[in-house]
Amino acid sequence: MSRQAPITDQKALARARQRAAQHGDSALFLQEEALLEIKERLSEVNRAFKRVAVITPWPALWQPAFPEADVLEDGADLLAFPNPPYDLVIHAMGLHWAGDIVGQLVQCRLALKPDGLFLGAALGGQTLHELRASLAQAETQVSGGLSPRVLPMAEIRDLGALLQRAGFALPVADSATQVALYRDLFHLAADLRAMGETNALTARRKTFARRALFAEAARIYAEAFGQEGRIRASFELIFLTGWAPHADQPKPLRPGSAAQRLSDALNTDELPLPGANPTPSD
């Protein structure tokens, strides 16, 4: 049986990030936003995290924020944690490129002490939906077909389910959308290159695309997603929270085990739904 090719070409992704590193931090506003959000969430947890590990494609940005942490560059299927177990593991803005997301999550859980905290930040499925739609329409019109050009990213409900599947307790997934304005599609493409977020899909077309394709995509983009003389681009940031299981953590009650009716607790009358058969009285 042939093995399925990985979705991400890790060599192409590494080259993209190396080129992006030459731009410095000028285009890493999404990384900076994720870092601020992670720091804010940690400030709300009444606990000191002494042993920390951070997995990130941008160690130069995250290391100063967590100077005592073990910082691992992502991209490998196996995460080489040097000093587990940890009180806190952060997977910072690389999880959307992982070929096996649940495998990465499981490794993070196993690297935690019991009741240790996992925090993750990744780009979500609504990211660059405008670019995806414009390129798809343009390529259909110009070439008569489609090729993979924008990374497919997980939806928030899927990532929440993967947290649970990976064995985390008290899993939570939430999101925030950042909207940026650009002069045109080519300005957006330049910013994506500076972020290291260009097309690194294994199934991408390896030949140069026709110039007419991007000209048509730029026209469609400006027409469909223009705003104040510019174009808008959406970036969905998904944040994941989970705890390594521990016996002292709160557990959900068994369905049907409630000792009191909700209507009694709220001091209100319980009314049947319209059209429902009333419960027969004794």
Protein backbone atom coordinates (compact mmCIF):
# COMPACT_ATOMS: atom_id res chain seq x y z
CA MET A 1 0.00 0.00 0.00
CA SER A 2 1.43 3.40 -1.00
CA ARG A 3 1.92 5.96 1.74
CA GLN A 4 -0.06 9.18 1.36
CA ALA A 5 2.16 12.20 0.67
CA PRO A 6 2.28 14.75 3.51
CA ILE A 7 0.21 17.87 2.97
CA THR A 8 3.17 20.16 3.71
CA ASP A 9 6.46 20.25 1.83
CA GLN A 10 8.68 20.86 4.88
CA LYS A 11 11.70 21.84 2.77
CA ALA A 12 9.68 24.46 0.90
CA LEU A 13 8.25 25.72 4.21
CA ALA A 14 11.76 25.98 5.68
CA ARG A 15 12.94 27.96 2.64
CA ALA A 16 9.95 30.30 2.94
CA ARG A 17 10.72 30.95 6.60
CA GLN A 18 14.40 31.53 5.89
CA ARG A 19 13.47 34.17 3.31
CA ALA A 20 11.01 35.70 5.76
CA ALA A 21 13.67 35.91 8.47
CA GLN A 22 15.58 38.36 6.25
CA HIS A 23 12.69 40.82 6.62
CA GLY A 24 13.07 40.91 10.40
CA ASP A 25 9.95 41.34 12.54
CA SER A 26 8.27 43.93 10.29
CA ALA A 27 5.56 41.57 9.01
CA LEU A 28 5.10 39.39 12.08
CA PHE A 29 2.06 41.24 13.40
CA LEU A 30 0.07 37.99 13.67
CA GLN A 31 2.84 36.40 15.74
CA GLU A 32 2.94 39.48 17.96
CA GLU A 33 -0.85 39.41 18.38
CA ALA A 34 -0.73 35.73 19.33
CA LEU A 35 2.08 36.39 21.81
CA LEU A 36 0.12 39.19 23.50
CA GLU A 37 -2.96 36.97 23.74
CA ILE A 38 -0.99 34.07 25.21
CA LYS A 39 0.63 36.36 27.80
CA GLU A 40 -2.78 37.79 28.74
CA ARG A 41 -4.24 34.31 29.21
CA LEU A 42 -1.35 33.27 31.40
CA SER A 43 -1.82 36.36 33.55
CA GLU A 44 -5.34 35.11 34.36
CA VAL A 45 -4.09 31.74 35.63
CA ASN A 46 -3.27 31.81 39.33
CA ARG A 47 -0.19 29.62 39.04
CA ALA A 48 3.56 29.93 38.58
CA PHE A 49 4.92 28.03 35.58
CA LYS A 50 8.55 27.22 36.31
CA ARG A 51 9.26 24.70 33.56
CA VAL A 52 8.10 25.94 30.15
CA ALA A 53 8.50 24.74 26.58
CA VAL A 54 7.60 26.76 23.48
CA ILE A 55 7.27 25.31 19.98
CA THR A 56 7.46 28.03 17.35
CA PRO A 57 8.79 28.84 13.87
CA TRP A 58 9.97 32.21 15.22
CA PRO A 59 12.17 31.60 18.28
CA ALA A 60 13.71 35.09 18.08
CA LEU A 61 10.28 36.57 18.83
CA TRP A 62 9.11 34.11 21.51
CA GLN A 63 12.36 33.45 23.42
CA PRO A 64 12.58 36.97 24.93
CA ALA A 65 8.99 36.62 26.16
CA PHE A 66 9.84 33.33 27.91
CA PRO A 67 13.58 33.66 28.60
CA GLU A 68 13.81 30.53 30.80
CA ALA A 69 11.84 28.33 28.41
CA ASP A 70 13.05 25.49 26.24
CA VAL A 71 12.31 26.74 22.72
CA LEU A 72 11.83 24.18 19.95
CA GLU A 73 11.53 25.06 16.28
CA ASP A 74 8.52 23.35 14.76
CA GLY A 75 8.48 21.45 11.48
CA ALA A 76 9.42 17.99 12.74
CA ASP A 77 6.87 15.22 13.20
CA LEU A 78 8.57 14.27 16.48
CA LEU A 79 9.00 17.07 19.00
CA ALA A 80 12.36 16.74 20.77
CA PHE A 81 11.49 18.17 24.20
CA PRO A 82 14.85 18.41 26.01
CA ASN A 83 13.68 18.53 29.66
CA PRO A 84 10.21 17.14 30.21
CA PRO A 85 7.94 17.10 32.09
CA TYR A 86 6.81 20.74 31.91
CA ASP A 87 4.33 22.89 33.79
CA LEU A 88 3.44 24.71 30.56
CA VAL A 89 3.77 23.88 26.87
CA ILE A 90 2.97 26.50 24.20
CA HIS A 91 2.55 25.61 20.52
CA ALA A 92 2.93 29.02 18.92
CA MET A 93 1.66 29.70 15.39
CA GLY A 94 2.97 26.65 13.56
CA LEU A 95 0.30 24.05 14.22
CA HIS A 96 -1.65 24.88 11.03
CA TRP A 97 1.31 23.57 8.98
CA ALA A 98 1.53 20.27 10.88
CA GLY A 99 0.81 17.16 8.86
CA ASP A 100 -0.48 15.38 11.98
CA ILE A 101 -2.11 17.92 14.29
CA VAL A 102 -3.42 15.39 16.78
CA GLY A 103 0.02 13.76 16.92
CA GLN A 104 1.56 17.12 17.84
CA LEU A 105 -1.10 17.66 20.52
CA VAL A 106 -0.55 14.21 22.01
CA GLN A 107 3.19 14.84 22.23
CA CYS A 108 2.54 18.14 23.99
CA ARG A 109 0.25 16.42 26.51
CA LEU A 110 2.79 13.69 27.20
CA ALA A 111 5.47 16.33 27.81
CA LEU A 112 3.38 17.94 30.57
CA LYS A 113 3.28 17.16 34.25
CA PRO A 114 -0.13 16.03 35.55
CA ASP A 115 -2.36 19.12 35.66
CA GLY A 116 0.12 20.97 33.40
CA LEU A 117 -1.24 23.55 30.97
CA PHE A 118 -1.16 23.50 27.17
CA LEU A 119 -1.76 26.66 25.15
CA GLY A 120 -1.82 26.70 21.37
CA ALA A 121 -2.19 29.40 18.74
CA ALA A 122 -2.69 28.72 15.04
CA LEU A 123 -4.28 30.16 11.93
CA GLY A 124 -7.83 28.88 11.39
CA GLY A 125 -10.05 27.95 8.48
CA GLN A 126 -11.41 31.44 7.80
CA THR A 127 -7.91 32.80 7.20
CA LEU A 128 -7.45 34.34 3.73
CA HIS A 129 -10.89 33.20 2.58
CA GLU A 130 -10.99 36.24 0.28
CA LEU A 131 -7.72 35.25 -1.42
CA ARG A 132 -8.82 31.63 -1.68
CA ALA A 133 -12.09 32.58 -3.40
CA SER A 134 -10.47 35.09 -5.77
CA LEU A 135 -7.73 32.70 -6.89
CA ALA A 136 -10.21 29.85 -7.38
CA GLN A 137 -12.50 31.97 -9.56
CA ALA A 138 -9.62 33.44 -11.57
CA GLU A 139 -7.94 30.08 -12.17
CA THR A 140 -11.20 28.51 -13.31
CA GLN A 141 -11.68 31.34 -15.81
CA VAL A 142 -8.08 31.53 -17.04
CA SER A 143 -6.92 27.91 -16.88
CA GLY A 144 -10.16 25.95 -16.75
CA GLY A 145 -9.19 24.17 -13.51
CA LEU A 146 -7.91 24.53 -9.96
CA SER A 147 -4.60 23.87 -8.22
CA PRO A 148 -3.77 24.09 -4.47
CA ARG A 149 -2.59 27.63 -3.72
CA VAL A 150 -3.74 28.40 -0.15
CA LEU A 151 -3.17 26.06 2.79
CA PRO A 152 -6.39 24.39 3.99
CA MET A 153 -6.64 25.18 7.68
CA ALA A 154 -8.69 23.50 10.38
CA GLU A 155 -11.98 24.96 11.60
CA ILE A 156 -12.34 25.86 15.27
CA ARG A 157 -14.81 23.02 15.98
CA ASP A 158 -12.35 20.50 14.50
CA LEU A 159 -9.44 21.76 16.59
CA GLY A 160 -11.58 21.64 19.72
CA ALA A 161 -12.44 18.02 18.96
CA LEU A 162 -8.76 17.20 18.34
CA LEU A 163 -7.85 18.60 21.76
CA GLN A 164 -10.27 16.14 23.33
CA ARG A 165 -9.07 13.31 21.10
CA ALA A 166 -5.49 14.03 22.18
CA GLY A 167 -6.48 13.36 25.78
CA PHE A 168 -6.57 16.87 27.23
CA ALA A 169 -8.89 17.62 30.12
CA LEU A 170 -11.11 20.73 30.11
CA PRO A 171 -10.42 21.49 26.41
CA VAL A 172 -11.37 24.93 25.08
CA ALA A 173 -11.00 26.42 21.58
CA ASP A 174 -11.85 30.03 20.74
CA SER A 175 -10.95 32.44 17.98
CA ALA A 176 -10.39 36.06 17.06
CA THR A 177 -10.26 37.50 13.55
CA GLN A 178 -7.80 40.17 12.50
CA VAL A 179 -8.57 42.12 9.31
CA ALA A 180 -5.72 43.85 7.46
CA LEU A 181 -6.00 46.24 4.51
CA TYR A 182 -3.66 46.08 1.51
CA ARG A 183 -3.20 48.11 -1.65
CA ASP A 184 -3.88 45.10 -3.85
CA LEU A 185 -3.33 41.35 -4.13
CA PHE A 186 0.36 41.82 -4.90
CA HIS A 187 0.87 43.85 -1.73
CA LEU A 188 -0.82 41.03 0.24
CA ALA A 189 1.39 38.42 -1.46
CA ALA A 190 4.51 40.38 -0.50
CA ASP A 191 3.36 40.48 3.13
CA LEU A 192 2.67 36.72 3.13
CA ARG A 193 6.22 36.15 1.85
CA ALA A 194 7.55 38.32 4.67
CA MET A 195 5.52 36.22 7.15
CA GLY A 196 6.81 32.92 5.75
CA GLU A 197 3.21 31.93 4.98
CA THR A 198 3.45 31.35 1.23
CA ASN A 199 2.36 28.21 -0.61
CA ALA A 200 4.36 25.25 0.73
CA LEU A 201 1.82 22.55 -0.12
CA THR A 202 3.25 19.30 -1.42
CA ALA A 203 0.58 19.21 -4.15
CA ARG A 204 1.24 22.78 -5.32
CA ARG A 205 1.93 23.37 -9.01
CA LYS A 206 5.70 23.53 -9.49
CA THR A 207 5.63 25.51 -12.76
CA PHE A 208 5.20 29.26 -13.05
CA ALA A 209 1.59 30.42 -13.30
CA ARG A 210 0.46 32.57 -16.20
CA ARG A 211 0.66 36.30 -15.51
CA ALA A 212 -2.96 36.64 -16.61
CA LEU A 213 -4.05 34.46 -13.68
CA PHE A 214 -2.84 36.86 -11.01
CA ALA A 215 -4.02 39.91 -12.92
CA GLU A 216 -7.51 38.43 -13.08
CA ALA A 217 -7.36 37.36 -9.42
CA ALA A 218 -6.35 40.88 -8.42
CA ARG A 219 -9.30 42.31 -10.37
CA ILE A 220 -11.77 39.85 -8.79
CA TYR A 221 -10.33 40.46 -5.32
CA ALA A 222 -10.64 44.24 -5.58
CA GLU A 223 -14.17 43.98 -6.94
CA ALA A 224 -15.47 41.50 -4.38
CA PHE A 225 -13.49 42.46 -1.27
CA GLY A 226 -12.58 46.10 -1.74
CA GLN A 227 -12.74 48.47 1.21
CA GLU A 228 -11.92 52.18 1.15
CA GLY A 229 -9.87 51.85 -2.03
CA ARG A 230 -7.92 48.88 -0.69
CA ILE A 231 -8.58 45.16 -0.25
CA ARG A 232 -9.20 43.39 3.03
CA ALA A 233 -7.61 40.13 4.17
CA SER A 234 -8.91 38.13 7.12
CA PHE A 235 -6.68 36.18 9.50
CA GLU A 236 -8.46 33.91 11.97
CA LEU A 237 -6.38 33.21 15.07
CA ILE A 238 -7.51 30.11 16.95
CA PHE A 239 -6.41 29.63 20.55
CA LEU A 240 -6.41 26.22 22.22
CA THR A 241 -6.38 25.48 25.94
CA GLY A 242 -6.13 22.09 27.61
CA TRP A 243 -4.83 20.51 30.79
CA ALA A 244 -2.93 17.28 31.30
CA PRO A 245 -5.35 15.03 33.22
CA HIS A 246 -5.14 14.94 37.01
CA ALA A 247 -7.35 13.29 39.64
CA ASP A 248 -8.11 16.61 41.38
CA GLN A 249 -9.54 18.32 38.30
CA PRO A 250 -13.31 18.95 38.17
CA LYS A 251 -15.25 16.27 36.30
CA PRO A 252 -18.52 16.72 34.37
CA LEU A 253 -21.54 15.13 36.01
CA ARG A 254 -23.05 11.99 34.54
CA PRO A 255 -26.10 12.83 32.34
CA GLY A 256 -29.29 12.39 34.35
CA SER A 257 -27.54 12.62 37.71
CA ALA A 258 -28.94 16.03 38.68
CA ALA A 259 -30.59 16.07 42.10
CA GLN A 260 -32.70 19.16 41.41
CA ARG A 261 -34.75 20.48 38.49
CA LEU A 262 -33.37 23.57 36.74
CA SER A 263 -36.79 25.22 37.03
CA ASP A 264 -36.65 24.81 40.83
CA ALA A 265 -33.18 26.34 40.98
CA LEU A 266 -34.40 29.31 38.91
CA ASN A 267 -37.64 29.55 40.89
CA THR A 268 -39.77 29.47 37.76
CA ASP A 269 -42.50 27.31 36.24
CA GLU A 270 -41.57 24.49 33.85
CA LEU A 271 -43.73 24.70 30.71
CA PRO A 272 -44.02 22.06 27.96
CA LEU A 273 -42.79 22.91 24.46
CA PRO A 274 -45.51 23.95 21.99
CA GLY A 275 -46.99 20.84 20.44
CA ALA A 276 -45.40 18.50 22.97
CA ASN A 277 -47.54 15.98 24.79
CA PRO A 278 -47.98 17.01 28.43
CA THR A 279 -46.56 14.68 31.05
CA PRO A 280 -49.43 12.73 32.59
CA SER A 281 -50.09 13.58 36.20
CA ASP A 282 -50.14 10.94 38.91
